[in-house]
Amino acid sequence: MDTKLMIGIGAGVLTAISAIPQIVKALQTKKVAHVSPFMFIILALGNSAWMWYGMLLKDWPIIITNSFSLVMDITMLVLKLIYHRKEEN
């Protein structure tokens, strides 16, 4: 495998899994008061743009890793919405 490809895949995987610790913590504690929804909205927009870019290039590593990242961003936003309502009650 080409070194450039391995670096790209590694970077994509690390970026894609970066939200998992926050998601796990939110699921365990059911507390999201200090989670910024704006950060995840910006990340979702960025990951959407990267996905689009990957589609234009027909570059599967870019498409796959950023699709996963987008799912993680949306998951965190949904958790923020669900648990924020519960924190208010």
PDB file of N, CA and C in Angstrom:
ATOM      1  N   MET A   1       0.852  -1.186   0.000  1.00  0.00           N
ATOM      2  CA  MET A   1       0.000   0.000   0.000  1.00  0.00           C
ATOM      3  C   MET A   1       0.896   1.247   0.000  1.00  0.00           C
ATOM      4  N   ASP A   2       0.498   2.231  -0.731  1.00  0.00           N
ATOM      5  CA  ASP A   2       1.209   3.500  -0.865  1.00  0.00           C
ATOM      6  C   ASP A   2       1.246   4.242   0.481  1.00  0.00           C
ATOM      7  N   THR A   3       2.394   4.821   0.821  1.00  0.00           N
ATOM      8  CA  THR A   3       2.549   5.554   2.087  1.00  0.00           C
ATOM      9  C   THR A   3       1.556   6.701   2.200  1.00  0.00           C
ATOM     10  N   LYS A   4       1.353   7.442   1.111  1.00  0.00           N
ATOM     11  CA  LYS A   4       0.401   8.559   1.145  1.00  0.00           C
ATOM     12  C   LYS A   4      -1.000   8.056   1.456  1.00  0.00           C
ATOM     13  N   LEU A   5      -1.382   6.940   0.873  1.00  0.00           N
ATOM     14  CA  LEU A   5      -2.711   6.373   1.118  1.00  0.00           C
ATOM     15  C   LEU A   5      -2.846   5.944   2.573  1.00  0.00           C
ATOM     16  N   MET A   6      -1.797   5.314   3.119  1.00  0.00           N
ATOM     17  CA  MET A   6      -1.845   4.863   4.516  1.00  0.00           C
ATOM     18  C   MET A   6      -1.970   6.055   5.467  1.00  0.00           C
ATOM     19  N   ILE A   7      -1.237   7.132   5.184  1.00  0.00           N
ATOM     20  CA  ILE A   7      -1.337   8.337   6.025  1.00  0.00           C
ATOM     21  C   ILE A   7      -2.737   8.922   5.932  1.00  0.00           C
ATOM     22  N   GLY A   8      -3.287   8.990   4.734  1.00  0.00           N
ATOM     23  CA  GLY A   8      -4.642   9.518   4.538  1.00  0.00           C
ATOM     24  C   GLY A   8      -5.690   8.696   5.259  1.00  0.00           C
ATOM     25  N   ILE A   9      -5.592   7.374   5.150  1.00  0.00           N
ATOM     26  CA  ILE A   9      -6.554   6.496   5.830  1.00  0.00           C
ATOM     27  C   ILE A   9      -6.405   6.639   7.345  1.00  0.00           C
ATOM     28  N   GLY A  10      -5.163   6.660   7.838  1.00  0.00           N
ATOM     29  CA  GLY A  10      -4.931   6.825   9.282  1.00  0.00           C
ATOM     30  C   GLY A  10      -5.502   8.134   9.800  1.00  0.00           C
ATOM     31  N   ALA A  11      -5.258   9.216   9.074  1.00  0.00           N
ATOM     32  CA  ALA A  11      -5.790  10.523   9.476  1.00  0.00           C
ATOM     33  C   ALA A  11      -7.313  10.509   9.461  1.00  0.00           C
ATOM     34  N   GLY A  12      -7.885   9.911   8.440  1.00  0.00           N
ATOM     35  CA  GLY A  12      -9.345   9.843   8.339  1.00  0.00           C
ATOM     36  C   GLY A  12      -9.964   9.036   9.465  1.00  0.00           C
ATOM     37  N   VAL A  13      -9.346   7.914   9.793  1.00  0.00           N
ATOM     38  CA  VAL A  13      -9.867   7.064  10.872  1.00  0.00           C
ATOM     39  C   VAL A  13      -9.773   7.794  12.213  1.00  0.00           C
ATOM     40  N   LEU A  14      -8.635   8.429  12.487  1.00  0.00           N
ATOM     41  CA  LEU A  14      -8.495   9.163  13.751  1.00  0.00           C
ATOM     42  C   LEU A  14      -9.521  10.288  13.859  1.00  0.00           C
ATOM     43  N   THR A  15      -9.728  11.006  12.774  1.00  0.00           N
ATOM     44  CA  THR A  15     -10.731  12.073  12.768  1.00  0.00           C
ATOM     45  C   THR A  15     -12.124  11.495  12.964  1.00  0.00           C
ATOM     46  N   ALA A  16     -12.395  10.383  12.293  1.00  0.00           N
ATOM     47  CA  ALA A  16     -13.725   9.774  12.352  1.00  0.00           C
ATOM     48  C   ALA A  16     -14.080   9.295  13.756  1.00  0.00           C
ATOM     49  N   ILE A  17     -13.092   8.794  14.493  1.00  0.00           N
ATOM     50  CA  ILE A  17     -13.395   8.254  15.826  1.00  0.00           C
ATOM     51  C   ILE A  17     -13.256   9.296  16.931  1.00  0.00           C
ATOM     52  N   SER A  18     -12.879  10.519  16.587  1.00  0.00           N
ATOM     53  CA  SER A  18     -12.612  11.530  17.614  1.00  0.00           C
ATOM     54  C   SER A  18     -13.817  11.868  18.488  1.00  0.00           C
ATOM     55  N   ALA A  19     -15.024  11.747  17.985  1.00  0.00           N
ATOM     56  CA  ALA A  19     -16.217  12.085  18.771  1.00  0.00           C
ATOM     57  C   ALA A  19     -16.691  10.928  19.652  1.00  0.00           C
ATOM     58  N   ILE A  20     -16.161   9.737  19.434  1.00  0.00           N
ATOM     59  CA  ILE A  20     -16.644   8.571  20.179  1.00  0.00           C
ATOM     60  C   ILE A  20     -16.484   8.736  21.689  1.00  0.00           C
ATOM     61  N   PRO A  21     -15.343   9.215  22.224  1.00  0.00           N
ATOM     62  CA  PRO A  21     -15.261   9.373  23.684  1.00  0.00           C
ATOM     63  C   PRO A  21     -16.340  10.307  24.254  1.00  0.00           C
ATOM     64  N   GLN A  22     -16.654  11.381  23.550  1.00  0.00           N
ATOM     65  CA  GLN A  22     -17.695  12.307  24.008  1.00  0.00           C
ATOM     66  C   GLN A  22     -19.069  11.642  23.966  1.00  0.00           C
ATOM     67  N   ILE A  23     -19.319  10.872  22.931  1.00  0.00           N
ATOM     68  CA  ILE A  23     -20.600  10.157  22.808  1.00  0.00           C
ATOM     69  C   ILE A  23     -20.730   9.134  23.927  1.00  0.00           C
ATOM     70  N   VAL A  24     -19.674   8.377  24.176  1.00  0.00           N
ATOM     71  CA  VAL A  24     -19.702   7.369  25.245  1.00  0.00           C
ATOM     72  C   VAL A  24     -19.950   8.035  26.594  1.00  0.00           C
ATOM     73  N   LYS A  25     -19.249   9.145  26.855  1.00  0.00           N
ATOM     74  CA  LYS A  25     -19.439   9.849  28.133  1.00  0.00           C
ATOM     75  C   LYS A  25     -20.873  10.356  28.265  1.00  0.00           C
ATOM     76  N   ALA A  26     -21.420  10.902  27.186  1.00  0.00           N
ATOM     77  CA  ALA A  26     -22.805  11.391  27.227  1.00  0.00           C
ATOM     78  C   ALA A  26     -23.777  10.250  27.488  1.00  0.00           C
ATOM     79  N   LEU A  27     -23.541   9.105  26.870  1.00  0.00           N
ATOM     80  CA  LEU A  27     -24.423   7.952  27.091  1.00  0.00           C
ATOM     81  C   LEU A  27     -24.314   7.430  28.520  1.00  0.00           C
ATOM     82  N   GLN A  28     -23.116   7.431  29.071  1.00  0.00           N
ATOM     83  CA  GLN A  28     -22.913   6.930  30.435  1.00  0.00           C
ATOM     84  C   GLN A  28     -23.476   7.873  31.489  1.00  0.00           C
ATOM     85  N   THR A  29     -23.209   9.163  31.349  1.00  0.00           N
ATOM     86  CA  THR A  29     -23.603  10.123  32.381  1.00  0.00           C
ATOM     87  C   THR A  29     -24.967  10.765  32.137  1.00  0.00           C
ATOM     88  N   LYS A  30     -25.403  10.730  30.883  1.00  0.00           N
ATOM     89  CA  LYS A  30     -26.641  11.384  30.467  1.00  0.00           C
ATOM     90  C   LYS A  30     -26.603  12.890  30.770  1.00  0.00           C
ATOM     91  N   LYS A  31     -25.381  13.446  30.720  1.00  0.00           N
ATOM     92  CA  LYS A  31     -25.173  14.879  30.953  1.00  0.00           C
ATOM     93  C   LYS A  31     -24.451  15.470  29.749  1.00  0.00           C
ATOM     94  N   VAL A  32     -25.004  16.559  29.233  1.00  0.00           N
ATOM     95  CA  VAL A  32     -24.424  17.194  28.043  1.00  0.00           C
ATOM     96  C   VAL A  32     -24.373  18.716  28.180  1.00  0.00           C
ATOM     97  N   ALA A  33     -24.500  19.207  29.393  1.00  0.00           N
ATOM     98  CA  ALA A  33     -24.566  20.652  29.604  1.00  0.00           C
ATOM     99  C   ALA A  33     -23.354  21.378  29.030  1.00  0.00           C
ATOM    100  N   HIS A  34     -22.195  20.758  29.089  1.00  0.00           N
ATOM    101  CA  HIS A  34     -20.977  21.438  28.645  1.00  0.00           C
ATOM    102  C   HIS A  34     -20.580  21.080  27.209  1.00  0.00           C
ATOM    103  N   VAL A  35     -21.443  20.363  26.508  1.00  0.00           N
ATOM    104  CA  VAL A  35     -21.170  20.025  25.111  1.00  0.00           C
ATOM    105  C   VAL A  35     -21.682  21.160  24.232  1.00  0.00           C
ATOM    106  N   SER A  36     -20.821  21.648  23.361  1.00  0.00           N
ATOM    107  CA  SER A  36     -21.208  22.739  22.461  1.00  0.00           C
ATOM    108  C   SER A  36     -21.875  22.185  21.200  1.00  0.00           C
ATOM    109  N   PRO A  37     -23.153  22.473  21.011  1.00  0.00           N
ATOM    110  CA  PRO A  37     -23.795  21.996  19.786  1.00  0.00           C
ATOM    111  C   PRO A  37     -23.222  22.690  18.548  1.00  0.00           C
ATOM    112  N   PHE A  38     -22.769  23.922  18.704  1.00  0.00           N
ATOM    113  CA  PHE A  38     -22.216  24.653  17.566  1.00  0.00           C
ATOM    114  C   PHE A  38     -20.955  23.983  17.024  1.00  0.00           C
ATOM    115  N   MET A  39     -20.142  23.436  17.912  1.00  0.00           N
ATOM    116  CA  MET A  39     -18.948  22.724  17.466  1.00  0.00           C
ATOM    117  C   MET A  39     -19.339  21.535  16.594  1.00  0.00           C
ATOM    118  N   PHE A  40     -20.346  20.777  17.030  1.00  0.00           N
ATOM    119  CA  PHE A  40     -20.753  19.604  16.268  1.00  0.00           C
ATOM    120  C   PHE A  40     -21.486  19.983  14.982  1.00  0.00           C
ATOM    121  N   ILE A  41     -22.169  21.115  14.978  1.00  0.00           N
ATOM    122  CA  ILE A  41     -22.792  21.604  13.740  1.00  0.00           C
ATOM    123  C   ILE A  41     -21.707  21.974  12.736  1.00  0.00           C
ATOM    124  N   ILE A  42     -20.684  22.677  13.199  1.00  0.00           N
ATOM    125  CA  ILE A  42     -19.572  23.052  12.316  1.00  0.00           C
ATOM    126  C   ILE A  42     -18.846  21.807  11.810  1.00  0.00           C
ATOM    127  N   LEU A  43     -18.599  20.849  12.703  1.00  0.00           N
ATOM    128  CA  LEU A  43     -17.966  19.599  12.289  1.00  0.00           C
ATOM    129  C   LEU A  43     -18.816  18.865  11.251  1.00  0.00           C
ATOM    130  N   ALA A  44     -20.124  18.832  11.468  1.00  0.00           N
ATOM    131  CA  ALA A  44     -21.019  18.156  10.526  1.00  0.00           C
ATOM    132  C   ALA A  44     -20.964  18.826   9.153  1.00  0.00           C
ATOM    133  N   LEU A  45     -20.944  20.143   9.143  1.00  0.00           N
ATOM    134  CA  LEU A  45     -20.840  20.860   7.868  1.00  0.00           C
ATOM    135  C   LEU A  45     -19.498  20.582   7.198  1.00  0.00           C
ATOM    136  N   GLY A  46     -18.437  20.588   7.970  1.00  0.00           N
ATOM    137  CA  GLY A  46     -17.112  20.291   7.432  1.00  0.00           C
ATOM    138  C   GLY A  46     -17.014  18.872   6.898  1.00  0.00           C
ATOM    139  N   ASN A  47     -17.543  17.918   7.660  1.00  0.00           N
ATOM    140  CA  ASN A  47     -17.510  16.527   7.209  1.00  0.00           C
ATOM    141  C   ASN A  47     -18.380  16.311   5.975  1.00  0.00           C
ATOM    142  N   SER A  48     -19.489  17.040   5.902  1.00  0.00           N
ATOM    143  CA  SER A  48     -20.326  16.966   4.697  1.00  0.00           C
ATOM    144  C   SER A  48     -19.565  17.478   3.476  1.00  0.00           C
ATOM    145  N   ALA A  49     -18.836  18.577   3.666  1.00  0.00           N
ATOM    146  CA  ALA A  49     -18.042  19.125   2.564  1.00  0.00           C
ATOM    147  C   ALA A  49     -16.935  18.156   2.154  1.00  0.00           C
ATOM    148  N   TRP A  50     -16.280  17.529   3.129  1.00  0.00           N
ATOM    149  CA  TRP A  50     -15.253  16.540   2.811  1.00  0.00           C
ATOM    150  C   TRP A  50     -15.844  15.348   2.069  1.00  0.00           C
ATOM    151  N   MET A  51     -17.034  14.915   2.482  1.00  0.00           N
ATOM    152  CA  MET A  51     -17.705  13.812   1.774  1.00  0.00           C
ATOM    153  C   MET A  51     -17.958  14.187   0.320  1.00  0.00           C
ATOM    154  N   TRP A  52     -18.458  15.373   0.108  1.00  0.00           N
ATOM    155  CA  TRP A  52     -18.750  15.865  -1.233  1.00  0.00           C
ATOM    156  C   TRP A  52     -17.463  15.907  -2.058  1.00  0.00           C
ATOM    157  N   TYR A  53     -16.407  16.417  -1.450  1.00  0.00           N
ATOM    158  CA  TYR A  53     -15.106  16.476  -2.102  1.00  0.00           C
ATOM    159  C   TYR A  53     -14.644  15.060  -2.486  1.00  0.00           C
ATOM    160  N   GLY A  54     -14.791  14.134  -1.543  1.00  0.00           N
ATOM    161  CA  GLY A  54     -14.431  12.742  -1.817  1.00  0.00           C
ATOM    162  C   GLY A  54     -15.235  12.155  -2.952  1.00  0.00           C
ATOM    163  N   MET A  55     -16.513  12.508  -3.012  1.00  0.00           N
ATOM    164  CA  MET A  55     -17.363  12.015  -4.108  1.00  0.00           C
ATOM    165  C   MET A  55     -16.905  12.589  -5.445  1.00  0.00           C
ATOM    166  N   LEU A  56     -16.538  13.859  -5.453  1.00  0.00           N
ATOM    167  CA  LEU A  56     -16.051  14.484  -6.683  1.00  0.00           C
ATOM    168  C   LEU A  56     -14.777  13.800  -7.182  1.00  0.00           C
ATOM    169  N   LEU A  57     -13.924  13.402  -6.224  1.00  0.00           N
ATOM    170  CA  LEU A  57     -12.669  12.730  -6.576  1.00  0.00           C
ATOM    171  C   LEU A  57     -12.839  11.224  -6.737  1.00  0.00           C
ATOM    172  N   LYS A  58     -14.002  10.712  -6.329  1.00  0.00           N
ATOM    173  CA  LYS A  58     -14.243   9.256  -6.278  1.00  0.00           C
ATOM    174  C   LYS A  58     -13.180   8.574  -5.407  1.00  0.00           C
ATOM    175  N   ASP A  59     -12.941   9.195  -4.259  1.00  0.00           N
ATOM    176  CA  ASP A  59     -11.924   8.728  -3.313  1.00  0.00           C
ATOM    177  C   ASP A  59     -12.627   8.088  -2.119  1.00  0.00           C
ATOM    178  N   TRP A  60     -12.686   6.758  -2.109  1.00  0.00           N
ATOM    179  CA  TRP A  60     -13.448   6.035  -1.092  1.00  0.00           C
ATOM    180  C   TRP A  60     -12.957   6.254   0.337  1.00  0.00           C
ATOM    181  N   PRO A  61     -11.657   6.316   0.605  1.00  0.00           N
ATOM    182  CA  PRO A  61     -11.248   6.592   1.996  1.00  0.00           C
ATOM    183  C   PRO A  61     -11.798   7.920   2.517  1.00  0.00           C
ATOM    184  N   ILE A  62     -11.797   8.949   1.696  1.00  0.00           N
ATOM    185  CA  ILE A  62     -12.347  10.243   2.118  1.00  0.00           C
ATOM    186  C   ILE A  62     -13.850  10.137   2.339  1.00  0.00           C
ATOM    187  N   ILE A  63     -14.534   9.469   1.434  1.00  0.00           N
ATOM    188  CA  ILE A  63     -15.994   9.331   1.536  1.00  0.00           C
ATOM    189  C   ILE A  63     -16.373   8.544   2.784  1.00  0.00           C
ATOM    190  N   ILE A  64     -15.735   7.405   2.987  1.00  0.00           N
ATOM    191  CA  ILE A  64     -16.103   6.512   4.099  1.00  0.00           C
ATOM    192  C   ILE A  64     -15.795   7.146   5.456  1.00  0.00           C
ATOM    193  N   THR A  65     -14.578   7.673   5.630  1.00  0.00           N
ATOM    194  CA  THR A  65     -14.222   8.207   6.955  1.00  0.00           C
ATOM    195  C   THR A  65     -15.051   9.442   7.298  1.00  0.00           C
ATOM    196  N   ASN A  66     -15.326  10.279   6.315  1.00  0.00           N
ATOM    197  CA  ASN A  66     -16.113  11.475   6.612  1.00  0.00           C
ATOM    198  C   ASN A  66     -17.601  11.173   6.745  1.00  0.00           C
ATOM    199  N   SER A  67     -18.086  10.137   6.091  1.00  0.00           N
ATOM    200  CA  SER A  67     -19.468   9.690   6.311  1.00  0.00           C
ATOM    201  C   SER A  67     -19.635   9.217   7.748  1.00  0.00           C
ATOM    202  N   PHE A  68     -18.660   8.423   8.221  1.00  0.00           N
ATOM    203  CA  PHE A  68     -18.706   7.950   9.608  1.00  0.00           C
ATOM    204  C   PHE A  68     -18.630   9.126  10.573  1.00  0.00           C
ATOM    205  N   SER A  69     -17.737  10.081  10.286  1.00  0.00           N
ATOM    206  CA  SER A  69     -17.630  11.273  11.133  1.00  0.00           C
ATOM    207  C   SER A  69     -18.943  12.037  11.186  1.00  0.00           C
ATOM    208  N   LEU A  70     -19.599  12.162  10.046  1.00  0.00           N
ATOM    209  CA  LEU A  70     -20.882  12.864   9.993  1.00  0.00           C
ATOM    210  C   LEU A  70     -21.926  12.148  10.850  1.00  0.00           C
ATOM    211  N   VAL A  71     -21.947  10.829  10.784  1.00  0.00           N
ATOM    212  CA  VAL A  71     -22.881  10.060  11.628  1.00  0.00           C
ATOM    213  C   VAL A  71     -22.587  10.312  13.112  1.00  0.00           C
ATOM    214  N   MET A  72     -21.313  10.363  13.484  1.00  0.00           N
ATOM    215  CA  MET A  72     -20.938  10.626  14.876  1.00  0.00           C
ATOM    216  C   MET A  72     -21.358  12.042  15.291  1.00  0.00           C
ATOM    217  N   ASP A  73     -21.174  13.017  14.415  1.00  0.00           N
ATOM    218  CA  ASP A  73     -21.586  14.392  14.716  1.00  0.00           C
ATOM    219  C   ASP A  73     -23.095  14.470  14.933  1.00  0.00           C
ATOM    220  N   ILE A  74     -23.843  13.839  14.060  1.00  0.00           N
ATOM    221  CA  ILE A  74     -25.308  13.841  14.181  1.00  0.00           C
ATOM    222  C   ILE A  74     -25.737  13.110  15.444  1.00  0.00           C
ATOM    223  N   THR A  75     -25.068  12.002  15.755  1.00  0.00           N
ATOM    224  CA  THR A  75     -25.380  11.252  16.982  1.00  0.00           C
ATOM    225  C   THR A  75     -25.196  12.141  18.205  1.00  0.00           C
ATOM    226  N   MET A  76     -24.090  12.890  18.249  1.00  0.00           N
ATOM    227  CA  MET A  76     -23.841  13.761  19.403  1.00  0.00           C
ATOM    228  C   MET A  76     -24.867  14.877  19.479  1.00  0.00           C
ATOM    229  N   LEU A  77     -25.260  15.416  18.341  1.00  0.00           N
ATOM    230  CA  LEU A  77     -26.289  16.460  18.346  1.00  0.00           C
ATOM    231  C   LEU A  77     -27.630  15.915  18.845  1.00  0.00           C
ATOM    232  N   VAL A  78     -27.966  14.705  18.461  1.00  0.00           N
ATOM    233  CA  VAL A  78     -29.217  14.083  18.932  1.00  0.00           C
ATOM    234  C   VAL A  78     -29.140  13.848  20.437  1.00  0.00           C
ATOM    235  N   LEU A  79     -27.990  13.349  20.916  1.00  0.00           N
ATOM    236  CA  LEU A  79     -27.827  13.146  22.361  1.00  0.00           C
ATOM    237  C   LEU A  79     -27.929  14.467  23.118  1.00  0.00           C
ATOM    238  N   LYS A  80     -27.351  15.524  22.556  1.00  0.00           N
ATOM    239  CA  LYS A  80     -27.442  16.850  23.178  1.00  0.00           C
ATOM    240  C   LYS A  80     -28.901  17.267  23.290  1.00  0.00           C
ATOM    241  N   LEU A  81     -29.662  17.058  22.244  1.00  0.00           N
ATOM    242  CA  LEU A  81     -31.077  17.418  22.240  1.00  0.00           C
ATOM    243  C   LEU A  81     -31.856  16.600  23.271  1.00  0.00           C
ATOM    244  N   ILE A  82     -31.641  15.302  23.290  1.00  0.00           N
ATOM    245  CA  ILE A  82     -32.378  14.413  24.208  1.00  0.00           C
ATOM    246  C   ILE A  82     -32.028  14.701  25.665  1.00  0.00           C
ATOM    247  N   TYR A  83     -30.710  14.691  25.986  1.00  0.00           N
ATOM    248  CA  TYR A  83     -30.297  14.822  27.379  1.00  0.00           C
ATOM    249  C   TYR A  83     -30.406  16.249  27.896  1.00  0.00           C
ATOM    250  N   HIS A  84     -30.301  17.226  27.023  1.00  0.00           N
ATOM    251  CA  HIS A  84     -30.471  18.625  27.455  1.00  0.00           C
ATOM    252  C   HIS A  84     -31.898  18.839  27.966  1.00  0.00           C
ATOM    253  N   ARG A  85     -32.854  18.267  27.261  1.00  0.00           N
ATOM    254  CA  ARG A  85     -34.262  18.380  27.709  1.00  0.00           C
ATOM    255  C   ARG A  85     -34.457  17.733  29.066  1.00  0.00           C
ATOM    256  N   LYS A  86     -33.806  16.575  29.291  1.00  0.00           N
ATOM    257  CA  LYS A  86     -33.934  15.889  30.566  1.00  0.00           C
ATOM    258  C   LYS A  86     -33.240  16.663  31.692  1.00  0.00           C
ATOM    259  N   GLU A  87     -32.134  17.342  31.363  1.00  0.00           N
ATOM    260  CA  GLU A  87     -31.425  18.135  32.372  1.00  0.00           C
ATOM    261  C   GLU A  87     -32.246  19.322  32.822  1.00  0.00           C
ATOM    262  N   GLU A  88     -33.080  19.857  31.919  1.00  0.00           N
ATOM    263  CA  GLU A  88     -33.909  21.015  32.259  1.00  0.00           C
ATOM    264  C   GLU A  88     -35.058  20.655  33.185  1.00  0.00           C
ATOM    265  N   ASN A  89     -35.482  19.401  33.143  1.00  0.00           N
ATOM    266  CA  ASN A  89     -36.641  18.976  33.962  1.00  0.00           C
ATOM    267  C   ASN A  89     -36.247  18.643  35.369  1.00  0.00           C
TER     268      ASN A  89
END
